[in-house]
């Protein structure tokens, strides 16, 4: 998800306004925060939207 946001905001920053690159920096800061602490603010948003985490997904055994 972060990679998609980075690519879109870099494209928008090149085509429309350089202010879009602020969002790119925000995404980068969130990635650094996730690497340092192990928690990303986007995970809260995705959880509230109903997207299951990897721990919540069940793996079916193959036959």
PDB file of N, CA and C in Angstrom:
ATOM      1  N   UNK A   1       0.833  -1.184   0.000  1.00  0.00           N
ATOM      2  CA  UNK A   1       0.000   0.000   0.000  1.00  0.00           C
ATOM      3  C   UNK A   1       0.880   1.251   0.000  1.00  0.00           C
ATOM      4  N   UNK A   2       1.928   1.234   0.807  1.00  0.00           N
ATOM      5  CA  UNK A   2       2.797   2.403   0.895  1.00  0.00           C
ATOM      6  C   UNK A   2       3.488   2.679  -0.432  1.00  0.00           C
ATOM      7  N   UNK A   3       3.915   1.644  -1.101  1.00  0.00           N
ATOM      8  CA  UNK A   3       4.568   1.820  -2.390  1.00  0.00           C
ATOM      9  C   UNK A   3       3.646   2.452  -3.419  1.00  0.00           C
ATOM     10  N   UNK A   4       2.390   2.066  -3.398  1.00  0.00           N
ATOM     11  CA  UNK A   4       1.420   2.651  -4.323  1.00  0.00           C
ATOM     12  C   UNK A   4       1.218   4.133  -4.041  1.00  0.00           C
ATOM     13  N   UNK A   5       1.109   4.491  -2.778  1.00  0.00           N
ATOM     14  CA  UNK A   5       0.929   5.896  -2.414  1.00  0.00           C
ATOM     15  C   UNK A   5       2.157   6.709  -2.819  1.00  0.00           C
ATOM     16  N   UNK A   6       3.341   6.159  -2.616  1.00  0.00           N
ATOM     17  CA  UNK A   6       4.567   6.859  -2.999  1.00  0.00           C
ATOM     18  C   UNK A   6       4.599   7.101  -4.498  1.00  0.00           C
ATOM     19  N   UNK A   7       4.297   6.078  -5.283  1.00  0.00           N
ATOM     20  CA  UNK A   7       4.317   6.240  -6.737  1.00  0.00           C
ATOM     21  C   UNK A   7       3.285   7.249  -7.220  1.00  0.00           C
ATOM     22  N   UNK A   8       2.090   7.197  -6.656  1.00  0.00           N
ATOM     23  CA  UNK A   8       1.038   8.130  -7.069  1.00  0.00           C
ATOM     24  C   UNK A   8       1.408   9.556  -6.686  1.00  0.00           C
ATOM     25  N   UNK A   9       1.887   9.768  -5.466  1.00  0.00           N
ATOM     26  CA  UNK A   9       2.204  11.131  -5.044  1.00  0.00           C
ATOM     27  C   UNK A   9       3.423  11.687  -5.768  1.00  0.00           C
ATOM     28  N   UNK A  10       4.386  10.846  -6.105  1.00  0.00           N
ATOM     29  CA  UNK A  10       5.516  11.333  -6.895  1.00  0.00           C
ATOM     30  C   UNK A  10       5.066  11.737  -8.299  1.00  0.00           C
ATOM     31  N   UNK A  11       4.157  10.970  -8.879  1.00  0.00           N
ATOM     32  CA  UNK A  11       3.626  11.314 -10.201  1.00  0.00           C
ATOM     33  C   UNK A  11       2.821  12.610 -10.138  1.00  0.00           C
ATOM     34  N   UNK A  12       1.970  12.731  -9.130  1.00  0.00           N
ATOM     35  CA  UNK A  12       1.191  13.958  -8.975  1.00  0.00           C
ATOM     36  C   UNK A  12       2.097  15.156  -8.706  1.00  0.00           C
ATOM     37  N   UNK A  13       3.154  14.935  -7.938  1.00  0.00           N
ATOM     38  CA  UNK A  13       4.094  16.009  -7.659  1.00  0.00           C
ATOM     39  C   UNK A  13       4.823  16.476  -8.900  1.00  0.00           C
ATOM     40  N   UNK A  14       5.068  15.578  -9.801  1.00  0.00           N
ATOM     41  CA  UNK A  14       5.748  15.942 -11.054  1.00  0.00           C
ATOM     42  C   UNK A  14       4.800  16.608 -12.040  1.00  0.00           C
ATOM     43  N   UNK A  15       3.551  16.142 -12.081  1.00  0.00           N
ATOM     44  CA  UNK A  15       2.607  16.636 -13.075  1.00  0.00           C
ATOM     45  C   UNK A  15       1.840  17.885 -12.629  1.00  0.00           C
ATOM     46  N   UNK A  16       1.529  17.992 -11.333  1.00  0.00           N
ATOM     47  CA  UNK A  16       0.645  19.069 -10.881  1.00  0.00           C
ATOM     48  C   UNK A  16       1.340  20.040  -9.937  1.00  0.00           C
ATOM     49  N   UNK A  17       1.636  19.600  -8.744  1.00  0.00           N
ATOM     50  CA  UNK A  17       2.190  20.489  -7.732  1.00  0.00           C
ATOM     51  C   UNK A  17       3.201  19.730  -6.882  1.00  0.00           C
ATOM     52  N   UNK A  18       4.292  20.406  -6.562  1.00  0.00           N
ATOM     53  CA  UNK A  18       5.324  19.770  -5.739  1.00  0.00           C
ATOM     54  C   UNK A  18       4.854  19.533  -4.305  1.00  0.00           C
ATOM     55  N   UNK A  19       3.750  20.112  -3.935  1.00  0.00           N
ATOM     56  CA  UNK A  19       3.212  19.909  -2.582  1.00  0.00           C
ATOM     57  C   UNK A  19       2.776  18.468  -2.325  1.00  0.00           C
ATOM     58  N   UNK A  20       2.508  17.721  -3.390  1.00  0.00           N
ATOM     59  CA  UNK A  20       2.134  16.316  -3.230  1.00  0.00           C
ATOM     60  C   UNK A  20       3.267  15.512  -2.603  1.00  0.00           C
ATOM     61  N   UNK A  21       4.487  15.978  -2.757  1.00  0.00           N
ATOM     62  CA  UNK A  21       5.641  15.256  -2.228  1.00  0.00           C
ATOM     63  C   UNK A  21       5.688  15.273  -0.706  1.00  0.00           C
ATOM     64  N   UNK A  22       4.915  16.144  -0.085  1.00  0.00           N
ATOM     65  CA  UNK A  22       4.797  16.135   1.378  1.00  0.00           C
ATOM     66  C   UNK A  22       4.168  14.817   1.824  1.00  0.00           C
ATOM     67  N   UNK A  23       3.174  14.365   1.094  1.00  0.00           N
ATOM     68  CA  UNK A  23       2.545  13.077   1.414  1.00  0.00           C
ATOM     69  C   UNK A  23       3.531  11.929   1.238  1.00  0.00           C
ATOM     70  N   UNK A  24       4.397  12.035   0.235  1.00  0.00           N
ATOM     71  CA  UNK A  24       5.440  11.026   0.046  1.00  0.00           C
ATOM     72  C   UNK A  24       6.352  10.972   1.263  1.00  0.00           C
ATOM     73  N   UNK A  25       6.731  12.136   1.773  1.00  0.00           N
ATOM     74  CA  UNK A  25       7.556  12.191   2.977  1.00  0.00           C
ATOM     75  C   UNK A  25       6.847  11.625   4.193  1.00  0.00           C
ATOM     76  N   UNK A  26       5.547  11.863   4.290  1.00  0.00           N
ATOM     77  CA  UNK A  26       4.762  11.320   5.404  1.00  0.00           C
ATOM     78  C   UNK A  26       4.733   9.800   5.354  1.00  0.00           C
ATOM     79  N   UNK A  27       4.575   9.241   4.177  1.00  0.00           N
ATOM     80  CA  UNK A  27       4.585   7.787   4.023  1.00  0.00           C
ATOM     81  C   UNK A  27       5.951   7.229   4.411  1.00  0.00           C
ATOM     82  N   UNK A  28       7.019   7.884   3.981  1.00  0.00           N
ATOM     83  CA  UNK A  28       8.368   7.452   4.351  1.00  0.00           C
ATOM     84  C   UNK A  28       8.589   7.492   5.854  1.00  0.00           C
ATOM     85  N   UNK A  29       8.082   8.535   6.504  1.00  0.00           N
ATOM     86  CA  UNK A  29       8.203   8.632   7.964  1.00  0.00           C
ATOM     87  C   UNK A  29       7.438   7.504   8.650  1.00  0.00           C
ATOM     88  N   UNK A  30       6.265   7.158   8.126  1.00  0.00           N
ATOM     89  CA  UNK A  30       5.505   6.044   8.695  1.00  0.00           C
ATOM     90  C   UNK A  30       6.239   4.719   8.520  1.00  0.00           C
ATOM     91  N   UNK A  31       6.917   4.540   7.384  1.00  0.00           N
ATOM     92  CA  UNK A  31       7.686   3.315   7.171  1.00  0.00           C
ATOM     93  C   UNK A  31       8.858   3.227   8.144  1.00  0.00           C
ATOM     94  N   UNK A  32       9.522   4.349   8.391  1.00  0.00           N
ATOM     95  CA  UNK A  32      10.605   4.362   9.386  1.00  0.00           C
ATOM     96  C   UNK A  32      10.066   4.080  10.786  1.00  0.00           C
ATOM     97  N   UNK A  33       8.921   4.657  11.106  1.00  0.00           N
ATOM     98  CA  UNK A  33       8.295   4.425  12.414  1.00  0.00           C
ATOM     99  C   UNK A  33       7.936   2.950  12.575  1.00  0.00           C
ATOM    100  N   UNK A  34       7.417   2.345  11.524  1.00  0.00           N
ATOM    101  CA  UNK A  34       7.066   0.923  11.573  1.00  0.00           C
ATOM    102  C   UNK A  34       8.310   0.062  11.755  1.00  0.00           C
ATOM    103  N   UNK A  35       9.399   0.425  11.078  1.00  0.00           N
ATOM    104  CA  UNK A  35      10.637  -0.348  11.216  1.00  0.00           C
ATOM    105  C   UNK A  35      11.226  -0.214  12.616  1.00  0.00           C
ATOM    106  N   UNK A  36      11.106   0.953  13.221  1.00  0.00           N
ATOM    107  CA  UNK A  36      11.699   1.181  14.539  1.00  0.00           C
ATOM    108  C   UNK A  36      10.850   0.602  15.665  1.00  0.00           C
ATOM    109  N   UNK A  37       9.537   0.746  15.566  1.00  0.00           N
ATOM    110  CA  UNK A  37       8.658   0.379  16.676  1.00  0.00           C
ATOM    111  C   UNK A  37       7.868  -0.896  16.391  1.00  0.00           C
ATOM    112  N   UNK A  38       7.617  -1.176  15.114  1.00  0.00           N
ATOM    113  CA  UNK A  38       6.833  -2.352  14.767  1.00  0.00           C
ATOM    114  C   UNK A  38       5.343  -2.095  14.714  1.00  0.00           C
ATOM    115  N   UNK A  39       4.966  -0.835  14.619  1.00  0.00           N
ATOM    116  CA  UNK A  39       3.562  -0.466  14.556  1.00  0.00           C
ATOM    117  C   UNK A  39       3.391   0.649  13.540  1.00  0.00           C
ATOM    118  N   UNK A  40       2.403   0.526  12.684  1.00  0.00           N
ATOM    119  CA  UNK A  40       2.154   1.522  11.642  1.00  0.00           C
ATOM    120  C   UNK A  40       0.756   2.095  11.834  1.00  0.00           C
ATOM    121  N   UNK A  41       0.619   3.423  11.779  1.00  0.00           N
ATOM    122  CA  UNK A  41      -0.714   4.023  11.929  1.00  0.00           C
ATOM    123  C   UNK A  41      -1.710   3.551  10.863  1.00  0.00           C
ATOM    124  N   UNK A  42      -1.234   3.174   9.702  1.00  0.00           N
ATOM    125  CA  UNK A  42      -2.129   2.693   8.655  1.00  0.00           C
ATOM    126  C   UNK A  42      -2.782   1.376   9.051  1.00  0.00           C
ATOM    127  N   UNK A  43      -2.103   0.590   9.882  1.00  0.00           N
ATOM    128  CA  UNK A  43      -2.686  -0.683  10.316  1.00  0.00           C
ATOM    129  C   UNK A  43      -3.972  -0.460  11.107  1.00  0.00           C
ATOM    130  N   UNK A  44      -4.049   0.622  11.868  1.00  0.00           N
ATOM    131  CA  UNK A  44      -5.269   0.943  12.610  1.00  0.00           C
ATOM    132  C   UNK A  44      -6.393   1.268  11.633  1.00  0.00           C
ATOM    133  N   UNK A  45      -6.084   2.067  10.619  1.00  0.00           N
ATOM    134  CA  UNK A  45      -7.088   2.426   9.621  1.00  0.00           C
ATOM    135  C   UNK A  45      -7.586   1.194   8.874  1.00  0.00           C
ATOM    136  N   UNK A  46      -6.677   0.329   8.450  1.00  0.00           N
ATOM    137  CA  UNK A  46      -7.078  -0.881   7.725  1.00  0.00           C
ATOM    138  C   UNK A  46      -7.905  -1.809   8.605  1.00  0.00           C
ATOM    139  N   UNK A  47      -7.546  -1.897   9.893  1.00  0.00           N
ATOM    140  CA  UNK A  47      -8.312  -2.746  10.808  1.00  0.00           C
ATOM    141  C   UNK A  47      -9.734  -2.213  10.971  1.00  0.00           C
ATOM    142  N   UNK A  48      -9.873  -0.895  11.063  1.00  0.00           N
ATOM    143  CA  UNK A  48     -11.211  -0.292  11.192  1.00  0.00           C
ATOM    144  C   UNK A  48     -12.038  -0.455   9.929  1.00  0.00           C
ATOM    145  N   UNK A  49     -11.364  -0.565   8.786  1.00  0.00           N
ATOM    146  CA  UNK A  49     -12.071  -0.786   7.527  1.00  0.00           C
ATOM    147  C   UNK A  49     -12.435  -2.253   7.320  1.00  0.00           C
ATOM    148  N   UNK A  50     -11.963  -3.124   8.222  1.00  0.00           N
ATOM    149  CA  UNK A  50     -12.322  -4.536   8.153  1.00  0.00           C
ATOM    150  C   UNK A  50     -11.338  -5.411   7.410  1.00  0.00           C
ATOM    151  N   UNK A  51     -10.155  -4.897   7.100  1.00  0.00           N
ATOM    152  CA  UNK A  51      -9.145  -5.693   6.411  1.00  0.00           C
ATOM    153  C   UNK A  51      -8.473  -6.598   7.447  1.00  0.00           C
ATOM    154  N   UNK A  52      -8.503  -7.912   7.252  1.00  0.00           N
ATOM    155  CA  UNK A  52      -7.908  -8.812   8.239  1.00  0.00           C
ATOM    156  C   UNK A  52      -6.378  -8.756   8.204  1.00  0.00           C
ATOM    157  N   UNK A  53      -5.783  -8.946   9.359  1.00  0.00           N
ATOM    158  CA  UNK A  53      -4.326  -9.012   9.450  1.00  0.00           C
ATOM    159  C   UNK A  53      -3.866 -10.412   9.075  1.00  0.00           C
ATOM    160  N   UNK A  54      -2.573 -10.564   8.932  1.00  0.00           N
ATOM    161  CA  UNK A  54      -2.025 -11.882   8.588  1.00  0.00           C
ATOM    162  C   UNK A  54      -2.313 -12.889   9.696  1.00  0.00           C
ATOM    163  N   UNK A  55      -2.314 -12.436  10.948  1.00  0.00           N
ATOM    164  CA  UNK A  55      -2.590 -13.333  12.065  1.00  0.00           C
ATOM    165  C   UNK A  55      -4.048 -13.790  12.081  1.00  0.00           C
ATOM    166  N   UNK A  56      -4.941 -12.966  11.540  1.00  0.00           N
ATOM    167  CA  UNK A  56      -6.360 -13.317  11.535  1.00  0.00           C
ATOM    168  C   UNK A  56      -6.735 -14.233  10.370  1.00  0.00           C
ATOM    169  N   UNK A  57      -5.909 -14.280   9.358  1.00  0.00           N
ATOM    170  CA  UNK A  57      -6.183 -15.144   8.212  1.00  0.00           C
ATOM    171  C   UNK A  57      -5.847 -16.579   8.580  1.00  0.00           C
ATOM    172  N   UNK A  58      -6.729 -17.476   8.236  1.00  0.00           N
ATOM    173  CA  UNK A  58      -6.467 -18.886   8.516  1.00  0.00           C
ATOM    174  C   UNK A  58      -5.875 -19.529   7.279  1.00  0.00           C
ATOM    175  N   UNK A  59      -4.929 -20.378   7.491  1.00  0.00           N
ATOM    176  CA  UNK A  59      -4.286 -21.091   6.397  1.00  0.00           C
ATOM    177  C   UNK A  59      -4.926 -22.466   6.312  1.00  0.00           C
ATOM    178  N   UNK A  60      -5.416 -22.795   5.121  1.00  0.00           N
ATOM    179  CA  UNK A  60      -6.025 -24.108   4.929  1.00  0.00           C
ATOM    180  C   UNK A  60      -4.924 -25.119   4.602  1.00  0.00           C
ATOM    181  N   UNK A  61      -4.948 -26.253   5.252  1.00  0.00           N
ATOM    182  CA  UNK A  61      -3.950 -27.275   4.931  1.00  0.00           C
ATOM    183  C   UNK A  61      -4.192 -27.852   3.545  1.00  0.00           C
ATOM    184  N   UNK A  62      -3.128 -28.104   2.843  1.00  0.00           N
ATOM    185  CA  UNK A  62      -3.259 -28.703   1.504  1.00  0.00           C
ATOM    186  C   UNK A  62      -3.315 -30.219   1.629  1.00  0.00           C
ATOM    187  N   UNK A  63      -4.036 -30.821   0.729  1.00  0.00           N
ATOM    188  CA  UNK A  63      -4.212 -32.266   0.795  1.00  0.00           C
ATOM    189  C   UNK A  63      -3.115 -32.999   0.073  1.00  0.00           C
TER     190      UNK A  63
END
